[in-house]
PDB file of N, CA and C in Angstrom:
ATOM      1  N   MET A   1      96.695  93.111 105.643  1.00  0.00           N
ATOM      2  CA  MET A   1      95.795  93.858 106.503  1.00  0.00           C
ATOM      3  C   MET A   1      96.571  94.573 107.609  1.00  0.00           C
ATOM      4  N   LYS A   2      97.668  93.945 108.040  1.00  0.00           N
ATOM      5  CA  LYS A   2      98.484  94.559 109.079  1.00  0.00           C
ATOM      6  C   LYS A   2      99.044  95.906 108.610  1.00  0.00           C
ATOM      7  N   ALA A   3      99.393  95.989 107.338  1.00  0.00           N
ATOM      8  CA  ALA A   3      99.935  97.233 106.793  1.00  0.00           C
ATOM      9  C   ALA A   3      98.917  98.365 106.888  1.00  0.00           C
ATOM     10  N   LEU A   4      97.653  98.039 106.760  1.00  0.00           N
ATOM     11  CA  LEU A   4      96.608  99.064 106.822  1.00  0.00           C
ATOM     12  C   LEU A   4      96.197  99.399 108.247  1.00  0.00           C
ATOM     13  N   GLY A   5      96.753  98.693 109.227  1.00  0.00           N
ATOM     14  CA  GLY A   5      96.429  98.954 110.622  1.00  0.00           C
ATOM     15  C   GLY A   5      97.075 100.204 111.173  1.00  0.00           C
ATOM     16  N   GLU A   6      98.023 100.759 110.464  1.00  0.00           N
ATOM     17  CA  GLU A   6      98.725 101.978 110.902  1.00  0.00           C
ATOM     18  C   GLU A   6      97.967 103.191 110.352  1.00  0.00           C
ATOM     19  N   PRO A   7      97.558 104.130 111.220  1.00  0.00           N
ATOM     20  CA  PRO A   7      96.737 105.255 110.780  1.00  0.00           C
ATOM     21  C   PRO A   7      97.326 106.080 109.632  1.00  0.00           C
ATOM     22  N   SER A   8      98.630 106.319 109.649  1.00  0.00           N
ATOM     23  CA  SER A   8      99.225 107.116 108.567  1.00  0.00           C
ATOM     24  C   SER A   8      99.106 106.396 107.233  1.00  0.00           C
ATOM     25  N   ARG A   9      99.253 105.085 107.252  1.00  0.00           N
ATOM     26  CA  ARG A   9      99.137 104.324 106.004  1.00  0.00           C
ATOM     27  C   ARG A   9      97.702 104.350 105.492  1.00  0.00           C
ATOM     28  N   CYS A  10      96.754 104.291 106.398  1.00  0.00           N
ATOM     29  CA  CYS A  10      95.345 104.391 105.984  1.00  0.00           C
ATOM     30  C   CYS A  10      95.074 105.743 105.341  1.00  0.00           C
ATOM     31  N   ARG A  11      95.632 106.783 105.901  1.00  0.00           N
ATOM     32  CA  ARG A  11      95.457 108.123 105.332  1.00  0.00           C
ATOM     33  C   ARG A  11      96.108 108.205 103.956  1.00  0.00           C
ATOM     34  N   ILE A  12      97.265 107.589 103.802  1.00  0.00           N
ATOM     35  CA  ILE A  12      97.946 107.579 102.504  1.00  0.00           C
ATOM     36  C   ILE A  12      97.069 106.863 101.479  1.00  0.00           C
ATOM     37  N   VAL A  13      96.530 105.704 101.849  1.00  0.00           N
ATOM     38  CA  VAL A  13      95.672 104.951 100.939  1.00  0.00           C
ATOM     39  C   VAL A  13      94.442 105.769 100.562  1.00  0.00           C
ATOM     40  N   THR A  14      93.864 106.461 101.522  1.00  0.00           N
ATOM     41  CA  THR A  14      92.697 107.297 101.257  1.00  0.00           C
ATOM     42  C   THR A  14      93.035 108.396 100.253  1.00  0.00           C
ATOM     43  N   LEU A  15      94.189 109.024 100.438  1.00  0.00           N
ATOM     44  CA  LEU A  15      94.603 110.074  99.500  1.00  0.00           C
ATOM     45  C   LEU A  15      94.876 109.496  98.115  1.00  0.00           C
ATOM     46  N   LEU A  16      95.539 108.351  98.063  1.00  0.00           N
ATOM     47  CA  LEU A  16      95.879 107.751  96.777  1.00  0.00           C
ATOM     48  C   LEU A  16      94.653 107.197  96.053  1.00  0.00           C
ATOM     49  N   ALA A  17      93.566 106.994  96.772  1.00  0.00           N
ATOM     50  CA  ALA A  17      92.324 106.551  96.133  1.00  0.00           C
ATOM     51  C   ALA A  17      91.764 107.652  95.233  1.00  0.00           C
ATOM     52  N   GLU A  18      92.113 108.899  95.544  1.00  0.00           N
ATOM     53  CA  GLU A  18      91.622 110.035  94.767  1.00  0.00           C
ATOM     54  C   GLU A  18      92.486 110.322  93.549  1.00  0.00           C
ATOM     55  N   ARG A  19      93.827 110.211  93.724  1.00  0.00           N
ATOM     56  CA  ARG A  19      94.762 110.520  92.642  1.00  0.00           C
ATOM     57  C   ARG A  19      96.161 110.096  93.042  1.00  0.00           C
ATOM     58  N   ALA A  20      97.099 110.158  92.099  1.00  0.00           N
ATOM     59  CA  ALA A  20      98.499 109.827  92.367  1.00  0.00           C
ATOM     60  C   ALA A  20      99.179 111.010  93.046  1.00  0.00           C
ATOM     61  N   TYR A  21     100.130 110.706  93.930  1.00  0.00           N
ATOM     62  CA  TYR A  21     100.897 111.744  94.628  1.00  0.00           C
ATOM     63  C   TYR A  21     102.364 111.340  94.683  1.00  0.00           C
ATOM     64  N   CYS A  22     103.220 112.348  94.771  1.00  0.00           N
ATOM     65  CA  CYS A  22     104.634 112.104  95.040  1.00  0.00           C
ATOM     66  C   CYS A  22     104.848 112.149  96.556  1.00  0.00           C
ATOM     67  N   VAL A  23     106.015 111.729  97.001  1.00  0.00           N
ATOM     68  CA  VAL A  23     106.321 111.684  98.432  1.00  0.00           C
ATOM     69  C   VAL A  23     106.197 113.066  99.063  1.00  0.00           C
ATOM     70  N   SER A  24     106.720 114.080  98.382  1.00  0.00           N
ATOM     71  CA  SER A  24     106.690 115.437  98.938  1.00  0.00           C
ATOM     72  C   SER A  24     105.264 115.927  99.155  1.00  0.00           C
ATOM     73  N   ALA A  25     104.397 115.679  98.201  1.00  0.00           N
ATOM     74  CA  ALA A  25     103.003 116.116  98.325  1.00  0.00           C
ATOM     75  C   ALA A  25     102.309 115.378  99.468  1.00  0.00           C
ATOM     76  N   LEU A  26     102.560 114.082  99.574  1.00  0.00           N
ATOM     77  CA  LEU A  26     101.960 113.318 100.665  1.00  0.00           C
ATOM     78  C   LEU A  26     102.463 113.808 102.022  1.00  0.00           C
ATOM     79  N   ALA A  27     103.760 114.093 102.093  1.00  0.00           N
ATOM     80  CA  ALA A  27     104.335 114.586 103.349  1.00  0.00           C
ATOM     81  C   ALA A  27     103.674 115.897 103.758  1.00  0.00           C
ATOM     82  N   MET A  28     103.452 116.778 102.787  1.00  0.00           N
ATOM     83  CA  MET A  28     102.826 118.066 103.076  1.00  0.00           C
ATOM     84  C   MET A  28     101.370 117.875 103.522  1.00  0.00           C
ATOM     85  N   LEU A  29     100.641 117.016 102.817  1.00  0.00           N
ATOM     86  CA  LEU A  29      99.230 116.793 103.143  1.00  0.00           C
ATOM     87  C   LEU A  29      99.046 116.113 104.499  1.00  0.00           C
ATOM     88  N   LEU A  30      99.984 115.223 104.844  1.00  0.00           N
ATOM     89  CA  LEU A  30      99.870 114.464 106.090  1.00  0.00           C
ATOM     90  C   LEU A  30     100.571 115.133 107.264  1.00  0.00           C
ATOM     91  N   ASP A  31     101.350 116.153 106.965  1.00  0.00           N
ATOM     92  CA  ASP A  31     102.126 116.869 107.977  1.00  0.00           C
ATOM     93  C   ASP A  31     103.082 115.939 108.720  1.00  0.00           C
ATOM     94  N   ILE A  32     103.760 115.079 107.944  1.00  0.00           N
ATOM     95  CA  ILE A  32     104.818 114.234 108.477  1.00  0.00           C
ATOM     96  C   ILE A  32     106.016 114.340 107.531  1.00  0.00           C
ATOM     97  N   SER A  33     107.163 113.875 107.959  1.00  0.00           N
ATOM     98  CA  SER A  33     108.378 114.027 107.162  1.00  0.00           C
ATOM     99  C   SER A  33     108.339 113.146 105.914  1.00  0.00           C
ATOM    100  N   ALA A  34     109.059 113.584 104.892  1.00  0.00           N
ATOM    101  CA  ALA A  34     109.159 112.812 103.650  1.00  0.00           C
ATOM    102  C   ALA A  34     109.769 111.426 103.896  1.00  0.00           C
ATOM    103  N   PRO A  35     110.831 111.310 104.742  1.00  0.00           N
ATOM    104  CA  PRO A  35     111.344 109.968 105.015  1.00  0.00           C
ATOM    105  C   PRO A  35     110.303 109.043 105.674  1.00  0.00           C
ATOM    106  N   ALA A  36     109.462 109.593 106.547  1.00  0.00           N
ATOM    107  CA  ALA A  36     108.405 108.786 107.177  1.00  0.00           C
ATOM    108  C   ALA A  36     107.402 108.324 106.123  1.00  0.00           C
ATOM    109  N   VAL A  37     107.044 109.215 105.210  1.00  0.00           N
ATOM    110  CA  VAL A  37     106.126 108.850 104.127  1.00  0.00           C
ATOM    111  C   VAL A  37     106.750 107.756 103.272  1.00  0.00           C
ATOM    112  N   SER A  38     108.025 107.901 102.965  1.00  0.00           N
ATOM    113  CA  SER A  38     108.721 106.900 102.151  1.00  0.00           C
ATOM    114  C   SER A  38     108.706 105.527 102.815  1.00  0.00           C
ATOM    115  N   GLN A  39     108.894 105.498 104.124  1.00  0.00           N
ATOM    116  CA  GLN A  39     108.863 104.220 104.836  1.00  0.00           C
ATOM    117  C   GLN A  39     107.471 103.588 104.780  1.00  0.00           C
ATOM    118  N   HIS A  40     106.450 104.419 104.972  1.00  0.00           N
ATOM    119  CA  HIS A  40     105.080 103.908 104.894  1.00  0.00           C
ATOM    120  C   HIS A  40     104.782 103.393 103.484  1.00  0.00           C
ATOM    121  N   LEU A  41     105.218 104.126 102.477  1.00  0.00           N
ATOM    122  CA  LEU A  41     104.988 103.712 101.096  1.00  0.00           C
ATOM    123  C   LEU A  41     105.720 102.410 100.773  1.00  0.00           C
ATOM    124  N   ARG A  42     106.893 102.226 101.350  1.00  0.00           N
ATOM    125  CA  ARG A  42     107.641 100.989 101.126  1.00  0.00           C
ATOM    126  C   ARG A  42     106.857  99.789 101.648  1.00  0.00           C
ATOM    127  N   VAL A  43     106.288  99.941 102.846  1.00  0.00           N
ATOM    128  CA  VAL A  43     105.477  98.858 103.428  1.00  0.00           C
ATOM    129  C   VAL A  43     104.270  98.578 102.535  1.00  0.00           C
ATOM    130  N   LEU A  44     103.595  99.630 102.104  1.00  0.00           N
ATOM    131  CA  LEU A  44     102.415  99.472 101.251  1.00  0.00           C
ATOM    132  C   LEU A  44     102.789  98.881  99.892  1.00  0.00           C
ATOM    133  N   ARG A  45     103.939  99.272  99.375  1.00  0.00           N
ATOM    134  CA  ARG A  45     104.419  98.740  98.091  1.00  0.00           C
ATOM    135  C   ARG A  45     104.769  97.257  98.224  1.00  0.00           C
ATOM    136  N   ASP A  46     105.428  96.889  99.326  1.00  0.00           N
ATOM    137  CA  ASP A  46     105.796  95.487  99.556  1.00  0.00           C
ATOM    138  C   ASP A  46     104.561  94.591  99.649  1.00  0.00           C
ATOM    139  N   CYS A  47     103.449  95.141 100.113  1.00  0.00           N
ATOM    140  CA  CYS A  47     102.193  94.386 100.219  1.00  0.00           C
ATOM    141  C   CYS A  47     101.397  94.414  98.918  1.00  0.00           C
ATOM    142  N   GLY A  48     101.856  95.193  97.962  1.00  0.00           N
ATOM    143  CA  GLY A  48     101.155  95.298  96.682  1.00  0.00           C
ATOM    144  C   GLY A  48      99.982  96.253  96.699  1.00  0.00           C
ATOM    145  N   ILE A  49      99.860  97.049  97.760  1.00  0.00           N
ATOM    146  CA  ILE A  49      98.726  97.965  97.879  1.00  0.00           C
ATOM    147  C   ILE A  49      98.935  99.218  97.030  1.00  0.00           C
ATOM    148  N   VAL A  50     100.180  99.640  96.892  1.00  0.00           N
ATOM    149  CA  VAL A  50     100.493 100.785  96.025  1.00  0.00           C
ATOM    150  C   VAL A  50     101.608 100.382  95.058  1.00  0.00           C
ATOM    151  N   TYR A  51     101.731 101.131  93.993  1.00  0.00           N
ATOM    152  CA  TYR A  51     102.838 100.959  93.062  1.00  0.00           C
ATOM    153  C   TYR A  51     103.288 102.352  92.633  1.00  0.00           C
ATOM    154  N   CYS A  52     104.470 102.424  92.062  1.00  0.00           N
ATOM    155  CA  CYS A  52     104.987 103.732  91.678  1.00  0.00           C
ATOM    156  C   CYS A  52     105.277 103.788  90.182  1.00  0.00           C
ATOM    157  N   GLU A  53     105.207 105.005  89.655  1.00  0.00           N
ATOM    158  CA  GLU A  53     105.545 105.281  88.261  1.00  0.00           C
ATOM    159  C   GLU A  53     106.449 106.496  88.239  1.00  0.00           C
ATOM    160  N   LYS A  54     107.489 106.414  87.438  1.00  0.00           N
ATOM    161  CA  LYS A  54     108.437 107.525  87.313  1.00  0.00           C
ATOM    162  C   LYS A  54     107.954 108.483  86.234  1.00  0.00           C
ATOM    163  N   TYR A  55     108.028 109.754  86.548  1.00  0.00           N
ATOM    164  CA  TYR A  55     107.744 110.829  85.599  1.00  0.00           C
ATOM    165  C   TYR A  55     108.921 111.786  85.667  1.00  0.00           C
ATOM    166  N   GLY A  56     109.890 111.600  84.780  1.00  0.00           N
ATOM    167  CA  GLY A  56     111.096 112.417  84.828  1.00  0.00           C
ATOM    168  C   GLY A  56     111.847 112.164  86.115  1.00  0.00           C
ATOM    169  N   TYR A  57     112.057 113.222  86.895  1.00  0.00           N
ATOM    170  CA  TYR A  57     112.773 113.095  88.166  1.00  0.00           C
ATOM    171  C   TYR A  57     111.850 112.698  89.318  1.00  0.00           C
ATOM    172  N   HIS A  58     110.575 112.698  89.074  1.00  0.00           N
ATOM    173  CA  HIS A  58     109.605 112.458  90.146  1.00  0.00           C
ATOM    174  C   HIS A  58     109.020 111.056  90.071  1.00  0.00           C
ATOM    175  N   THR A  59     108.724 110.527  91.247  1.00  0.00           N
ATOM    176  CA  THR A  59     108.050 109.237  91.359  1.00  0.00           C
ATOM    177  C   THR A  59     106.681 109.477  91.969  1.00  0.00           C
ATOM    178  N   HIS A  60     105.652 109.058  91.260  1.00  0.00           N
ATOM    179  CA  HIS A  60     104.289 109.187  91.753  1.00  0.00           C
ATOM    180  C   HIS A  60     103.781 107.825  92.187  1.00  0.00           C
ATOM    181  N   TYR A  61     103.085 107.823  93.297  1.00  0.00           N
ATOM    182  CA  TYR A  61     102.534 106.587  93.845  1.00  0.00           C
ATOM    183  C   TYR A  61     101.045 106.520  93.543  1.00  0.00           C
ATOM    184  N   LYS A  62     100.613 105.323  93.180  1.00  0.00           N
ATOM    185  CA  LYS A  62      99.211 105.094  92.843  1.00  0.00           C
ATOM    186  C   LYS A  62      98.690 103.905  93.638  1.00  0.00           C
ATOM    187  N   LEU A  63      97.402 103.912  93.860  1.00  0.00           N
ATOM    188  CA  LEU A  63      96.740 102.838  94.578  1.00  0.00           C
ATOM    189  C   LEU A  63      96.497 101.665  93.629  1.00  0.00           C
ATOM    190  N   ASN A  64      96.841 100.462  94.072  1.00  0.00           N
ATOM    191  CA  ASN A  64      96.573  99.247  93.310  1.00  0.00           C
ATOM    192  C   ASN A  64      95.158  98.808  93.668  1.00  0.00           C
ATOM    193  N   LYS A  65      94.200  99.253  92.884  1.00  0.00           N
ATOM    194  CA  LYS A  65      92.791  99.014  93.204  1.00  0.00           C
ATOM    195  C   LYS A  65      92.422  97.539  93.134  1.00  0.00           C
ATOM    196  N   GLU A  66      93.112  96.775  92.312  1.00  0.00           N
ATOM    197  CA  GLU A  66      92.837  95.335  92.258  1.00  0.00           C
ATOM    198  C   GLU A  66      93.219  94.661  93.575  1.00  0.00           C
ATOM    199  N   ARG A  67      94.349  95.073  94.151  1.00  0.00           N
ATOM    200  CA  ARG A  67      94.784  94.503  95.439  1.00  0.00           C
ATOM    201  C   ARG A  67      93.814  94.904  96.550  1.00  0.00           C
ATOM    202  N   ILE A  68      93.356  96.151  96.512  1.00  0.00           N
ATOM    203  CA  ILE A  68      92.375  96.614  97.505  1.00  0.00           C
ATOM    204  C   ILE A  68      91.094  95.786  97.390  1.00  0.00           C
ATOM    205  N   ALA A  69      90.683  95.465  96.163  1.00  0.00           N
ATOM    206  CA  ALA A  69      89.488  94.640  95.961  1.00  0.00           C
ATOM    207  C   ALA A  69      89.695  93.244  96.553  1.00  0.00           C
ATOM    208  N   GLU A  70      90.893  92.674  96.403  1.00  0.00           N
ATOM    209  CA  GLU A  70      91.192  91.369  96.988  1.00  0.00           C
ATOM    210  C   GLU A  70      91.086  91.414  98.508  1.00  0.00           C
ATOM    211  N   ILE A  71      91.668  92.457  99.102  1.00  0.00           N
ATOM    212  CA  ILE A  71      91.627  92.607 100.558  1.00  0.00           C
ATOM    213  C   ILE A  71      90.188  92.787 101.027  1.00  0.00           C
ATOM    214  N   SER A  72      89.414  93.572 100.276  1.00  0.00           N
ATOM    215  CA  SER A  72      88.002  93.780 100.615  1.00  0.00           C
ATOM    216  C   SER A  72      87.234  92.468 100.586  1.00  0.00           C
ATOM    217  N   ALA A  73      87.535  91.627  99.603  1.00  0.00           N
ATOM    218  CA  ALA A  73      86.867  90.331  99.502  1.00  0.00           C
ATOM    219  C   ALA A  73      87.234  89.444 100.690  1.00  0.00           C
ATOM    220  N   GLN A  74      88.495  89.497 101.114  1.00  0.00           N
ATOM    221  CA  GLN A  74      88.912  88.711 102.279  1.00  0.00           C
ATOM    222  C   GLN A  74      88.180  89.175 103.535  1.00  0.00           C
ATOM    223  N   ILE A  75      88.046  90.479 103.687  1.00  0.00           N
ATOM    224  CA  ILE A  75      87.342  91.026 104.852  1.00  0.00           C
ATOM    225  C   ILE A  75      85.869  90.644 104.792  1.00  0.00           C
ATOM    226  N   ALA A  76      85.270  90.739 103.604  1.00  0.00           N
ATOM    227  CA  ALA A  76      83.862  90.363 103.450  1.00  0.00           C
ATOM    228  C   ALA A  76      83.656  88.895 103.805  1.00  0.00           C
ATOM    229  N   ASP A  77      84.607  88.051 103.442  1.00  0.00           N
ATOM    230  CA  ASP A  77      84.511  86.627 103.757  1.00  0.00           C
ATOM    231  C   ASP A  77      84.515  86.393 105.267  1.00  0.00           C
ATOM    232  N   LEU A  78      85.244  87.217 105.998  1.00  0.00           N
ATOM    233  CA  LEU A  78      85.282  87.076 107.456  1.00  0.00           C
ATOM    234  C   LEU A  78      83.933  87.378 108.092  1.00  0.00           C
ATOM    235  N   THR A  79      83.129  88.194 107.431  1.00  0.00           N
ATOM    236  CA  THR A  79      81.852  88.606 108.011  1.00  0.00           C
ATOM    237  C   THR A  79      80.695  87.701 107.604  1.00  0.00           C
ATOM    238  N   ARG A  80      80.935  86.771 106.666  1.00  0.00           N
ATOM    239  CA  ARG A  80      79.872  85.857 106.236  1.00  0.00           C
ATOM    240  C   ARG A  80      79.537  84.870 107.352  1.00  0.00           C
ATOM    241  N   GLU A  81      78.278  84.540 107.427  1.00  0.00           N
ATOM    242  CA  GLU A  81      77.790  83.583 108.423  1.00  0.00           C
ATOM    243  C   GLU A  81      78.351  82.209 108.098  1.00  0.00           C
ATOM    244  N   LYS A  82      78.916  81.573 109.082  1.00  0.00           N
ATOM    245  CA  LYS A  82      79.460  80.235 108.898  1.00  0.00           C
ATOM    246  C   LYS A  82      78.747  79.284 109.856  1.00  0.00           C
ATOM    247  N   THR A  83      78.684  78.015 109.478  1.00  0.00           N
ATOM    248  CA  THR A  83      78.066  77.050 110.377  1.00  0.00           C
ATOM    249  C   THR A  83      78.977  76.849 111.576  1.00  0.00           C
ATOM    250  N   ASP A  84      78.388  76.622 112.692  1.00  0.00           N
ATOM    251  CA  ASP A  84      79.136  76.453 113.932  1.00  0.00           C
ATOM    252  C   ASP A  84      79.807  75.089 113.939  1.00  0.00           C
ATOM    253  N   ILE A  85      81.128  75.069 114.033  1.00  0.00           N
ATOM    254  CA  ILE A  85      81.871  73.807 114.026  1.00  0.00           C
ATOM    255  C   ILE A  85      81.627  73.008 115.308  1.00  0.00           C
ATOM    256  N   CYS A  86      81.394  73.695 116.379  1.00  0.00           N
ATOM    257  CA  CYS A  86      81.218  73.005 117.657  1.00  0.00           C
ATOM    258  C   CYS A  86      79.718  72.779 117.887  1.00  0.00           C
ATOM    259  N   ARG A  87      79.284  71.605 117.547  1.00  0.00           N
ATOM    260  CA  ARG A  87      77.866  71.260 117.711  1.00  0.00           C
ATOM    261  C   ARG A  87      77.682  70.625 119.090  1.00  0.00           C
ATOM    262  N   ASN A  88      77.841  71.432 120.098  1.00  0.00           N
ATOM    263  CA  ASN A  88      77.819  70.959 121.478  1.00  0.00           C
ATOM    264  C   ASN A  88      76.395  70.597 121.896  1.00  0.00           C
ATOM    265  N   LYS A  89      76.209  69.351 122.233  1.00  0.00           N
ATOM    266  CA  LYS A  89      74.899  68.889 122.715  1.00  0.00           C
ATOM    267  C   LYS A  89      75.106  68.367 124.127  1.00  0.00           C
ATOM    268  N   GLY A  90      74.571  69.049 125.074  1.00  0.00           N
ATOM    269  CA  GLY A  90      74.738  68.645 126.462  1.00  0.00           C
ATOM    270  C   GLY A  90      76.153  68.922 126.933  1.00  0.00           C
ATOM    271  N   THR A  91      76.795  67.908 127.500  1.00  0.00           N
ATOM    272  CA  THR A  91      78.130  68.107 128.059  1.00  0.00           C
ATOM    273  C   THR A  91      79.234  67.603 127.149  1.00  0.00           C
ATOM    274  N   LYS A  92      78.899  66.900 126.070  1.00  0.00           N
ATOM    275  CA  LYS A  92      79.923  66.336 125.185  1.00  0.00           C
ATOM    276  C   LYS A  92      79.961  67.108 123.872  1.00  0.00           C
ATOM    277  N   CYS A  93      81.134  67.531 123.496  1.00  0.00           N
ATOM    278  CA  CYS A  93      81.338  68.220 122.220  1.00  0.00           C
ATOM    279  C   CYS A  93      81.636  67.152 121.170  1.00  0.00           C
ATOM    280  N   GLU A  94      80.772  67.025 120.155  1.00  0.00           N
ATOM    281  CA  GLU A  94      80.933  65.999 119.135  1.00  0.00           C
ATOM    282  C   GLU A  94      82.200  66.183 118.300  1.00  0.00           C
ATOM    283  N   VAL A  95      82.622  67.407 118.111  1.00  0.00           N
ATOM    284  CA  VAL A  95      83.749  67.700 117.233  1.00  0.00           C
ATOM    285  C   VAL A  95      85.076  67.602 117.980  1.00  0.00           C
ATOM    286  N   ALA A  96      85.048  67.613 119.302  1.00  0.00           N
ATOM    287  CA  ALA A  96      86.275  67.627 120.100  1.00  0.00           C
ATOM    288  C   ALA A  96      87.216  66.490 119.737  1.00  0.00           C
ATOM    289  N   ASP A  97      86.672  65.306 119.548  1.00  0.00           N
ATOM    290  CA  ASP A  97      87.513  64.158 119.204  1.00  0.00           C
ATOM    291  C   ASP A  97      88.122  64.308 117.811  1.00  0.00           C
ATOM    292  N   GLU A  98      87.401  64.942 116.880  1.00  0.00           N
ATOM    293  CA  GLU A  98      87.868  65.100 115.509  1.00  0.00           C
ATOM    294  C   GLU A  98      88.959  66.157 115.374  1.00  0.00           C
ATOM    295  N   VAL A  99      88.802  67.284 116.036  1.00  0.00           N
ATOM    296  CA  VAL A  99      89.725  68.402 115.824  1.00  0.00           C
ATOM    297  C   VAL A  99      90.599  68.733 117.028  1.00  0.00           C
ATOM    298  N   GLY A 100      90.460  68.012 118.097  1.00  0.00           N
ATOM    299  CA  GLY A 100      91.271  68.294 119.273  1.00  0.00           C
ATOM    300  C   GLY A 100      90.866  69.579 119.966  1.00  0.00           C
ATOM    301  N   CYS A 101      89.594  69.814 120.034  1.00  0.00           N
ATOM    302  CA  CYS A 101      89.042  71.031 120.632  1.00  0.00           C
ATOM    303  C   CYS A 101      89.456  71.150 122.092  1.00  0.00           C
ATOM    304  N   ARG A 102      89.753  72.346 122.527  1.00  0.00           N
ATOM    305  CA  ARG A 102      90.154  72.561 123.925  1.00  0.00           C
ATOM    306  C   ARG A 102      89.038  72.246 124.904  1.00  0.00           C
ATOM    307  N   THR A 103      87.808  72.329 124.439  1.00  0.00           N
ATOM    308  CA  THR A 103      86.698  72.058 125.362  1.00  0.00           C
ATOM    309  C   THR A 103      86.727  70.611 125.832  1.00  0.00           C
ATOM    310  N   LYS A 104      87.333  69.736 125.038  1.00  0.00           N
ATOM    311  CA  LYS A 104      87.428  68.324 125.415  1.00  0.00           C
ATOM    312  C   LYS A 104      88.212  68.188 126.727  1.00  0.00           C
ATOM    313  N   THR A 105      89.389  68.819 126.791  1.00  0.00           N
ATOM    314  CA  THR A 105      90.195  68.707 128.010  1.00  0.00           C
ATOM    315  C   THR A 105      89.608  69.530 129.137  1.00  0.00           C
ATOM    316  N   ALA A 106      88.975  70.649 128.803  1.00  0.00           N
ATOM    317  CA  ALA A 106      88.397  71.505 129.840  1.00  0.00           C
ATOM    318  C   ALA A 106      87.234  70.808 130.517  1.00  0.00           C
ATOM    319  N   LYS A 107      86.434  70.082 129.742  1.00  0.00           N
ATOM    320  CA  LYS A 107      85.265  69.404 130.308  1.00  0.00           C
ATOM    321  C   LYS A 107      85.659  68.154 131.077  1.00  0.00           C
ATOM    322  N   GLN A 108      86.801  67.562 130.750  1.00  0.00           N
ATOM    323  CA  GLN A 108      87.236  66.370 131.457  1.00  0.00           C
ATOM    324  C   GLN A 108      87.762  66.707 132.836  1.00  0.00           C
ATOM    325  N   LYS A 109      88.244  67.919 133.036  1.00  0.00           N
ATOM    326  CA  LYS A 109      88.806  68.336 134.326  1.00  0.00           C
ATOM    327  C   LYS A 109      87.780  68.505 135.388  1.00  0.00           C
TER     328      LYS A 109
END
């Protein structure tokens, strides 16, 4: 997810969602240098978000849609309603003793 936090990488992913591109085409579309695009692609490739295929002298980058689906599922899981671990009733936190909750020491002070 950290790799997608950089705006240029998000733009690259958006472009690659439509079709495969080479570094030169991406550089032209994004109005940044080819070496900068290559660095961004390396980060995305290391995370498994994109992969490359050679066509003669050219390398085209494609979006790994399965990896994007995995990341989407992780994000969706973060938004699901979860039961509240801290079942605080009155002044005593029942879970504090079990998990070492900070509220235990804060309330004792």
